[in-house]
C-alpha atoms as a PDB file:
ATOM      1  CA  MET A   1       1.712  54.227 265.436  1.00  0.00           C
ATOM      2  CA  LYS A   2       4.724  53.925 267.747  1.00  0.00           C
ATOM      3  CA  LYS A   3       6.740  50.737 267.681  1.00  0.00           C
ATOM      4  CA  ASP A   4       7.680  48.684 270.750  1.00  0.00           C
ATOM      5  CA  ILE A   5       5.157  50.289 273.120  1.00  0.00           C
ATOM      6  CA  HIS A   6       2.747  47.355 273.373  1.00  0.00           C
ATOM      7  CA  PRO A   7       3.323  44.372 275.667  1.00  0.00           C
ATOM      8  CA  GLU A   8       4.065  41.001 274.117  1.00  0.00           C
ATOM      9  CA  TYR A   9       0.873  39.044 273.414  1.00  0.00           C
ATOM     10  CA  ARG A  10       1.736  35.352 273.556  1.00  0.00           C
ATOM     11  CA  PRO A  11       0.287  31.918 274.427  1.00  0.00           C
ATOM     12  CA  VAL A  12       0.063  31.314 278.190  1.00  0.00           C
ATOM     13  CA  VAL A  13      -1.263  28.403 280.258  1.00  0.00           C
ATOM     14  CA  PHE A  14      -3.512  29.320 283.191  1.00  0.00           C
ATOM     15  CA  LEU A  15      -3.503  26.606 285.867  1.00  0.00           C
ATOM     16  CA  ASP A  16      -6.148  26.320 288.594  1.00  0.00           C
ATOM     17  CA  VAL A  17      -4.174  24.759 291.455  1.00  0.00           C
ATOM     18  CA  SER A  18      -7.273  23.708 293.419  1.00  0.00           C
ATOM     19  CA  SER A  19      -8.681  21.529 290.611  1.00  0.00           C
ATOM     20  CA  ASP A  20      -5.634  21.025 288.340  1.00  0.00           C
ATOM     21  CA  PHE A  21      -7.623  22.565 285.471  1.00  0.00           C
ATOM     22  CA  LYS A  22      -5.483  24.050 282.694  1.00  0.00           C
ATOM     23  CA  VAL A  23      -6.390  26.296 279.797  1.00  0.00           C
ATOM     24  CA  LEU A  24      -4.122  27.522 277.017  1.00  0.00           C
ATOM     25  CA  THR A  25      -4.950  31.022 275.862  1.00  0.00           C
ATOM     26  CA  ARG A  26      -3.184  34.191 274.822  1.00  0.00           C
ATOM     27  CA  SER A  27      -2.235  36.933 277.255  1.00  0.00           C
ATOM     28  CA  THR A  28       0.226  39.710 278.009  1.00  0.00           C
ATOM     29  CA  VAL A  29       0.825  38.518 281.577  1.00  0.00           C
ATOM     30  CA  ASN A  30       4.429  37.807 282.579  1.00  0.00           C
ATOM     31  CA  ALA A  31       5.229  34.415 284.073  1.00  0.00           C
ATOM     32  CA  ASN A  32       8.462  32.940 285.379  1.00  0.00           C
ATOM     33  CA  GLU A  33       7.425  29.272 285.299  1.00  0.00           C
ATOM     34  CA  THR A  34       6.874  27.140 282.208  1.00  0.00           C
ATOM     35  CA  ILE A  35       4.879  23.984 281.622  1.00  0.00           C
ATOM     36  CA  GLU A  36       4.792  21.457 278.813  1.00  0.00           C
ATOM     37  CA  TRP A  37       1.423  21.500 277.060  1.00  0.00           C
ATOM     38  CA  GLU A  38      -0.341  18.639 275.264  1.00  0.00           C
ATOM     39  CA  ASP A  39       1.242  19.636 271.950  1.00  0.00           C
ATOM     40  CA  GLY A  40       4.729  19.074 273.399  1.00  0.00           C
ATOM     41  CA  LYS A  41       5.671  22.766 273.471  1.00  0.00           C
ATOM     42  CA  GLU A  42       6.616  24.705 276.597  1.00  0.00           C
ATOM     43  CA  TYR A  43       4.474  27.697 277.566  1.00  0.00           C
ATOM     44  CA  PRO A  44       4.601  30.158 280.465  1.00  0.00           C
ATOM     45  CA  VAL A  45       2.226  29.137 283.252  1.00  0.00           C
ATOM     46  CA  VAL A  46       0.220  31.366 285.602  1.00  0.00           C
ATOM     47  CA  ARG A  47      -1.159  29.703 288.736  1.00  0.00           C
ATOM     48  CA  PHE A  48      -4.375  30.837 290.405  1.00  0.00           C
ATOM     49  CA  ASP A  49      -6.796  29.526 293.020  1.00  0.00           C
ATOM     50  CA  LEU A  50     -10.201  29.656 291.400  1.00  0.00           C
ATOM     51  CA  SER A  51     -11.668  28.959 287.977  1.00  0.00           C
ATOM     52  CA  SER A  52     -14.911  27.732 286.473  1.00  0.00           C
ATOM     53  CA  ALA A  53     -13.690  24.181 287.162  1.00  0.00           C
ATOM     54  CA  SER A  54     -13.509  24.777 290.924  1.00  0.00           C
ATOM     55  CA  HIS A  55     -15.992  27.581 291.650  1.00  0.00           C
ATOM     56  CA  ALA A  56     -19.185  26.442 293.401  1.00  0.00           C
ATOM     57  CA  PHE A  57     -21.399  28.514 291.114  1.00  0.00           C
ATOM     58  CA  TYR A  58     -20.231  26.584 288.051  1.00  0.00           C
ATOM     59  CA  THR A  59     -19.754  23.149 289.612  1.00  0.00           C
ATOM     60  CA  GLY A  60     -23.015  23.095 291.563  1.00  0.00           C
ATOM     61  CA  LYS A  61     -21.202  21.723 294.600  1.00  0.00           C
ATOM     62  CA  GLU A  62     -21.467  23.210 298.046  1.00  0.00           C
ATOM     63  CA  GLN A  63     -19.191  26.165 298.393  1.00  0.00           C
ATOM     64  CA  SER A  64     -16.230  25.672 300.679  1.00  0.00           C
ATOM     65  CA  LEU A  65     -13.927  28.444 301.745  1.00  0.00           C
ATOM     66  CA  ASN A  66     -10.314  28.128 300.698  1.00  0.00           C
ATOM     67  CA  ASP A  67      -8.392  29.316 303.712  1.00  0.00           C
ATOM     68  CA  ARG A  68      -5.320  30.422 301.843  1.00  0.00           C
ATOM     69  CA  GLY A  69      -2.809  31.746 304.289  1.00  0.00           C
ATOM     70  CA  GLY A  70      -5.465  32.421 306.912  1.00  0.00           C
ATOM     71  CA  ARG A  71      -6.929  35.378 305.034  1.00  0.00           C
ATOM     72  CA  ILE A  72     -10.491  34.467 305.870  1.00  0.00           C
ATOM     73  CA  GLN A  73      -9.664  34.011 309.540  1.00  0.00           C
ATOM     74  CA  GLN A  74      -7.791  37.323 309.552  1.00  0.00           C
ATOM     75  CA  PHE A  75     -10.871  39.045 308.149  1.00  0.00           C
ATOM     76  CA  ARG A  76     -13.135  37.408 310.727  1.00  0.00           C
ATOM     77  CA  ASP A  77     -10.789  38.382 313.565  1.00  0.00           C
ATOM     78  CA  ARG A  78     -10.579  41.966 312.330  1.00  0.00           C
ATOM     79  CA  TYR A  79     -14.373  42.168 311.987  1.00  0.00           C
ATOM     80  CA  ALA A  80     -14.886  40.694 315.476  1.00  0.00           C
ATOM     81  CA  GLN A  81     -12.361  43.160 316.928  1.00  0.00           C
ATOM     82  CA  GLN A  82     -14.163  46.065 315.257  1.00  0.00           C
ATOM     83  CA  ARG A  83     -17.500  44.899 316.660  1.00  0.00           C
ATOM     84  CA  LYS A  84     -15.982  44.678 320.164  1.00  0.00           C
ATOM     85  CA  GLU A  85     -14.564  48.195 319.852  1.00  0.00           C
ATOM     86  CA  ASP A  86     -17.932  49.532 318.661  1.00  0.00           C
ATOM     87  CA  ALA A  87     -19.726  47.834 321.562  1.00  0.00           C
ATOM     88  CA  ALA A  88     -17.208  49.233 324.054  1.00  0.00           C
ATOM     89  CA  LYS A  89     -17.662  52.726 322.594  1.00  0.00           C
ATOM     90  CA  ALA A  90     -21.431  52.448 322.822  1.00  0.00           C
ATOM     91  CA  THR A  91     -21.197  51.281 326.442  1.00  0.00           C
ATOM     92  CA  ALA A  92     -18.826  54.115 327.332  1.00  0.00           C
ATOM     93  CA  GLU A  93     -21.077  56.685 325.665  1.00  0.00           C
ATOM     94  CA  ALA A  94     -24.140  55.292 327.429  1.00  0.00           C
ATOM     95  CA  SER A  95     -22.439  55.442 330.821  1.00  0.00           C
ATOM     96  CA  THR A  96     -21.255  59.042 330.278  1.00  0.00           C
ATOM     97  CA  GLU A  97     -24.753  60.069 329.201  1.00  0.00           C
ATOM     98  CA  ASP A  98     -26.297  58.445 332.289  1.00  0.00           C
ATOM     99  CA  ALA A  99     -23.821  60.044 334.724  1.00  0.00           C
ATOM    100  CA  PRO A 100     -24.751  63.720 334.045  1.00  0.00           C
ATOM    101  CA  ALA A 101     -28.438  62.865 334.175  1.00  0.00           C
ATOM    102  CA  ALA A 102     -27.977  61.329 337.615  1.00  0.00           C
ATOM    103  CA  THR A 103     -26.131  64.374 338.953  1.00  0.00           C
ATOM    104  CA  GLU A 104     -28.823  66.689 337.601  1.00  0.00           C
ATOM    105  CA  ALA A 105     -31.495  64.607 339.333  1.00  0.00           C
ATOM    106  CA  GLU A 106     -29.530  64.769 342.594  1.00  0.00           C
ATOM    107  CA  GLN A 107     -29.183  68.559 342.303  1.00  0.00           C
ATOM    108  CA  THR A 108     -32.921  69.040 341.807  1.00  0.00           C
ATOM    109  CA  ALA A 109     -33.637  66.717 344.736  1.00  0.00           C
ATOM    110  CA  ASP A 110     -31.259  68.724 346.974  1.00  0.00           C
ATOM    111  CA  SER A 111     -32.970  72.014 346.120  1.00  0.00           C
END
């Protein structure tokens, strides 16, 4: 087996910033920050937004949307814009389909 090809597997603290829930586990993830754990030692810390301590499925509380940086609103705006474009396309197609039918009816009436 080759030496020095595997990432370093070390203790890391994962911190849920929405509920201040911390768990010490082992991981290969790289982290720039450190935090002092209950045993007095410093460990790298990885921050994230959601864990079993804050997720509605596990807590049983009503789910609320974390609007982090407006991502949810951006998605809603993009979806609404797409729906408007689709509706405009459908309207344009319907009007172009109706226009030739009207001219054909006029031509048969003139004959």
